[in-house]
C-alpha atoms as a PDB file:
ATOM      1  CA  UNK A   1      10.214   3.553  37.170  1.00  0.00           C
ATOM      2  CA  UNK A   2      10.752   0.379  35.234  1.00  0.00           C
ATOM      3  CA  UNK A   3      10.682   0.888  31.482  1.00  0.00           C
ATOM      4  CA  UNK A   4       7.435  -0.164  29.888  1.00  0.00           C
ATOM      5  CA  UNK A   5       5.626  -0.535  33.212  1.00  0.00           C
ATOM      6  CA  UNK A   6       2.748   1.578  34.390  1.00  0.00           C
ATOM      7  CA  UNK A   7       3.311   2.674  37.936  1.00  0.00           C
ATOM      8  CA  UNK A   8       0.280   3.243  40.079  1.00  0.00           C
ATOM      9  CA  UNK A   9       0.586   5.093  43.358  1.00  0.00           C
ATOM     10  CA  UNK A  10       0.356   2.720  46.288  1.00  0.00           C
ATOM     11  CA  UNK A  11      -2.700   3.028  48.460  1.00  0.00           C
ATOM     12  CA  UNK A  12      -2.455   3.169  52.196  1.00  0.00           C
ATOM     13  CA  UNK A  13      -4.584   1.165  54.571  1.00  0.00           C
ATOM     14  CA  UNK A  14      -7.781   2.996  55.416  1.00  0.00           C
ATOM     15  CA  UNK A  15      -6.628   3.987  58.915  1.00  0.00           C
ATOM     16  CA  UNK A  16      -3.298   5.234  57.598  1.00  0.00           C
ATOM     17  CA  UNK A  17      -5.044   7.137  54.812  1.00  0.00           C
ATOM     18  CA  UNK A  18      -7.229   8.873  57.367  1.00  0.00           C
ATOM     19  CA  UNK A  19      -4.184   9.888  59.381  1.00  0.00           C
ATOM     20  CA  UNK A  20      -2.287  11.078  56.321  1.00  0.00           C
ATOM     21  CA  UNK A  21      -5.254  13.188  55.233  1.00  0.00           C
ATOM     22  CA  UNK A  22      -6.094  14.362  58.772  1.00  0.00           C
ATOM     23  CA  UNK A  23      -2.864  14.943  60.726  1.00  0.00           C
ATOM     24  CA  UNK A  24      -4.790  15.883  63.880  1.00  0.00           C
ATOM     25  CA  UNK A  25      -5.815  12.208  64.141  1.00  0.00           C
ATOM     26  CA  UNK A  26      -2.203  11.052  64.625  1.00  0.00           C
ATOM     27  CA  UNK A  27      -2.182  10.829  68.457  1.00  0.00           C
ATOM     28  CA  UNK A  28      -5.409   8.828  68.608  1.00  0.00           C
ATOM     29  CA  UNK A  29      -4.332   6.585  65.722  1.00  0.00           C
ATOM     30  CA  UNK A  30      -1.019   5.857  67.431  1.00  0.00           C
ATOM     31  CA  UNK A  31      -2.776   4.910  70.671  1.00  0.00           C
ATOM     32  CA  UNK A  32      -5.198   2.658  68.767  1.00  0.00           C
ATOM     33  CA  UNK A  33      -2.254   1.051  66.986  1.00  0.00           C
ATOM     34  CA  UNK A  34      -0.540   0.437  70.354  1.00  0.00           C
ATOM     35  CA  UNK A  35      -3.771  -1.227  71.543  1.00  0.00           C
ATOM     36  CA  UNK A  36      -3.620  -3.516  68.506  1.00  0.00           C
ATOM     37  CA  UNK A  37       0.063  -4.198  69.216  1.00  0.00           C
ATOM     38  CA  UNK A  38      -0.848  -5.383  72.707  1.00  0.00           C
ATOM     39  CA  UNK A  39      -3.412  -7.759  71.172  1.00  0.00           C
ATOM     40  CA  UNK A  40      -1.296  -9.003  68.263  1.00  0.00           C
ATOM     41  CA  UNK A  41       2.300  -7.903  67.853  1.00  0.00           C
ATOM     42  CA  UNK A  42       2.609  -9.528  64.436  1.00  0.00           C
ATOM     43  CA  UNK A  43      -0.553  -7.955  63.003  1.00  0.00           C
ATOM     44  CA  UNK A  44       0.231  -4.464  64.317  1.00  0.00           C
ATOM     45  CA  UNK A  45       3.855  -4.686  63.179  1.00  0.00           C
ATOM     46  CA  UNK A  46       2.681  -5.801  59.732  1.00  0.00           C
ATOM     47  CA  UNK A  47       0.418  -2.713  59.568  1.00  0.00           C
ATOM     48  CA  UNK A  48       3.304  -0.342  60.264  1.00  0.00           C
ATOM     49  CA  UNK A  49       5.699  -2.167  57.932  1.00  0.00           C
ATOM     50  CA  UNK A  50       3.053  -2.023  55.204  1.00  0.00           C
ATOM     51  CA  UNK A  51       2.757   1.709  55.768  1.00  0.00           C
ATOM     52  CA  UNK A  52       6.552   1.956  55.580  1.00  0.00           C
ATOM     53  CA  UNK A  53       6.935   0.110  52.289  1.00  0.00           C
ATOM     54  CA  UNK A  54       3.985   1.891  50.681  1.00  0.00           C
ATOM     55  CA  UNK A  55       5.290   5.279  51.786  1.00  0.00           C
ATOM     56  CA  UNK A  56       8.609   4.316  50.229  1.00  0.00           C
ATOM     57  CA  UNK A  57       6.773   3.842  46.937  1.00  0.00           C
ATOM     58  CA  UNK A  58       6.677   0.065  46.808  1.00  0.00           C
ATOM     59  CA  UNK A  59       3.785  -1.548  44.950  1.00  0.00           C
ATOM     60  CA  UNK A  60       0.550  -2.224  46.788  1.00  0.00           C
ATOM     61  CA  UNK A  61       1.601  -5.591  48.228  1.00  0.00           C
ATOM     62  CA  UNK A  62       1.786  -4.987  51.928  1.00  0.00           C
ATOM     63  CA  UNK A  63       3.368  -7.085  54.633  1.00  0.00           C
ATOM     64  CA  UNK A  64       1.421  -9.942  56.182  1.00  0.00           C
ATOM     65  CA  UNK A  65       1.390 -10.906  59.859  1.00  0.00           C
ATOM     66  CA  UNK A  66       2.692 -14.305  58.755  1.00  0.00           C
ATOM     67  CA  UNK A  67       5.760 -12.723  57.180  1.00  0.00           C
ATOM     68  CA  UNK A  68       6.403 -10.781  60.379  1.00  0.00           C
ATOM     69  CA  UNK A  69       5.908 -13.816  62.586  1.00  0.00           C
ATOM     70  CA  UNK A  70       8.078 -15.975  60.325  1.00  0.00           C
ATOM     71  CA  UNK A  71      11.012 -13.715  61.112  1.00  0.00           C
ATOM     72  CA  UNK A  72      12.736 -14.202  57.763  1.00  0.00           C
ATOM     73  CA  UNK A  73      13.324 -10.519  57.090  1.00  0.00           C
ATOM     74  CA  UNK A  74      15.740 -11.330  54.270  1.00  0.00           C
ATOM     75  CA  UNK A  75      12.974 -13.149  52.389  1.00  0.00           C
ATOM     76  CA  UNK A  76      10.556 -10.285  53.040  1.00  0.00           C
ATOM     77  CA  UNK A  77      13.027  -7.680  51.797  1.00  0.00           C
ATOM     78  CA  UNK A  78      13.854  -9.822  48.749  1.00  0.00           C
ATOM     79  CA  UNK A  79      10.132 -10.031  47.921  1.00  0.00           C
ATOM     80  CA  UNK A  80       9.710  -6.279  48.269  1.00  0.00           C
ATOM     81  CA  UNK A  81      12.792  -5.538  46.159  1.00  0.00           C
ATOM     82  CA  UNK A  82      11.524  -7.907  43.467  1.00  0.00           C
ATOM     83  CA  UNK A  83       8.140  -6.171  43.496  1.00  0.00           C
ATOM     84  CA  UNK A  84       9.776  -2.758  43.176  1.00  0.00           C
ATOM     85  CA  UNK A  85      12.061  -3.816  40.337  1.00  0.00           C
ATOM     86  CA  UNK A  86       9.177  -5.488  38.523  1.00  0.00           C
ATOM     87  CA  UNK A  87       6.468  -2.870  39.055  1.00  0.00           C
ATOM     88  CA  UNK A  88       8.502   0.270  39.688  1.00  0.00           C
ATOM     89  CA  UNK A  89       7.839   2.825  42.393  1.00  0.00           C
ATOM     90  CA  UNK A  90       5.618   5.853  42.799  1.00  0.00           C
ATOM     91  CA  UNK A  91       5.938   8.631  45.348  1.00  0.00           C
ATOM     92  CA  UNK A  92       2.646   8.610  47.270  1.00  0.00           C
ATOM     93  CA  UNK A  93       3.414  12.061  48.665  1.00  0.00           C
ATOM     94  CA  UNK A  94       3.413  13.697  45.225  1.00  0.00           C
ATOM     95  CA  UNK A  95      -0.246  14.516  45.285  1.00  0.00           C
ATOM     96  CA  UNK A  96      -2.345  17.374  46.465  1.00  0.00           C
ATOM     97  CA  UNK A  97      -1.715  17.665  50.200  1.00  0.00           C
ATOM     98  CA  UNK A  98       1.352  15.466  49.940  1.00  0.00           C
ATOM     99  CA  UNK A  99       3.544  17.741  52.017  1.00  0.00           C
ATOM    100  CA  UNK A 100       1.110  17.626  54.948  1.00  0.00           C
ATOM    101  CA  UNK A 101       0.728  13.856  54.514  1.00  0.00           C
ATOM    102  CA  UNK A 102       4.498  13.436  54.638  1.00  0.00           C
ATOM    103  CA  UNK A 103       4.583  15.338  57.927  1.00  0.00           C
ATOM    104  CA  UNK A 104       1.725  13.256  59.301  1.00  0.00           C
ATOM    105  CA  UNK A 105       3.555  10.068  58.261  1.00  0.00           C
ATOM    106  CA  UNK A 106       6.605  11.043  60.310  1.00  0.00           C
ATOM    107  CA  UNK A 107       4.416  12.138  63.204  1.00  0.00           C
ATOM    108  CA  UNK A 108       2.587   8.800  63.136  1.00  0.00           C
ATOM    109  CA  UNK A 109       5.847   6.875  63.438  1.00  0.00           C
ATOM    110  CA  UNK A 110       7.049   9.082  66.304  1.00  0.00           C
ATOM    111  CA  UNK A 111       3.705   8.796  68.094  1.00  0.00           C
ATOM    112  CA  UNK A 112       3.545   5.016  67.605  1.00  0.00           C
ATOM    113  CA  UNK A 113       7.020   4.506  69.063  1.00  0.00           C
ATOM    114  CA  UNK A 114       6.188   6.877  71.923  1.00  0.00           C
ATOM    115  CA  UNK A 115       2.946   4.967  72.589  1.00  0.00           C
ATOM    116  CA  UNK A 116       4.859   1.679  72.797  1.00  0.00           C
ATOM    117  CA  UNK A 117       7.449   3.229  75.092  1.00  0.00           C
ATOM    118  CA  UNK A 118       4.710   4.645  77.317  1.00  0.00           C
ATOM    119  CA  UNK A 119       3.293   1.158  77.766  1.00  0.00           C
ATOM    120  CA  UNK A 120       6.716  -0.394  78.380  1.00  0.00           C
ATOM    121  CA  UNK A 121       6.323  -2.413  75.169  1.00  0.00           C
ATOM    122  CA  UNK A 122       9.264  -0.949  73.295  1.00  0.00           C
ATOM    123  CA  UNK A 123      11.709  -2.922  75.416  1.00  0.00           C
ATOM    124  CA  UNK A 124      10.540  -6.250  73.986  1.00  0.00           C
ATOM    125  CA  UNK A 125      12.352  -5.096  70.796  1.00  0.00           C
ATOM    126  CA  UNK A 126       9.965  -7.095  68.593  1.00  0.00           C
ATOM    127  CA  UNK A 127       8.689  -4.105  66.638  1.00  0.00           C
ATOM    128  CA  UNK A 128      11.994  -2.239  66.684  1.00  0.00           C
ATOM    129  CA  UNK A 129      13.946  -5.251  65.422  1.00  0.00           C
ATOM    130  CA  UNK A 130      11.501  -5.938  62.574  1.00  0.00           C
ATOM    131  CA  UNK A 131      11.237  -2.299  61.492  1.00  0.00           C
ATOM    132  CA  UNK A 132      14.996  -1.783  61.648  1.00  0.00           C
ATOM    133  CA  UNK A 133      15.674  -4.911  59.611  1.00  0.00           C
ATOM    134  CA  UNK A 134      13.212  -3.878  56.902  1.00  0.00           C
ATOM    135  CA  UNK A 135      14.537  -0.293  56.819  1.00  0.00           C
ATOM    136  CA  UNK A 136      18.135  -1.476  56.507  1.00  0.00           C
ATOM    137  CA  UNK A 137      17.245  -4.123  53.947  1.00  0.00           C
ATOM    138  CA  UNK A 138      15.368  -1.669  51.737  1.00  0.00           C
ATOM    139  CA  UNK A 139      18.110   0.927  51.966  1.00  0.00           C
ATOM    140  CA  UNK A 140      20.673  -1.240  50.155  1.00  0.00           C
END
């Protein structure tokens, strides 16, 4: 937490919130996300990256499809780091039902990757490259 700043827990997108509160919905949500990925790689990738940064406790900024499409991951990570250092972080899993939500979060990622692999879309490396770059950038 940044001194003197009020930290509000980040909210998840409505579909992610449903999954986090209802873990049984994970398989269907992952398939629906893979459908969206087939329609718009940038938009679907932005959804998952937004879920990633919000689950990590970053402020409620989100990642836009334009930022994903632009490909400048360094600029995206720099923006997210600036937001975190300015606004602080909050653990979204420290709430009632947080332990189950944390499990559902991991299950959603596994199911989403599996759904892409099942459709032979994982090999295009678009999603994997973007997610890996953001994960590595935020881990510094």
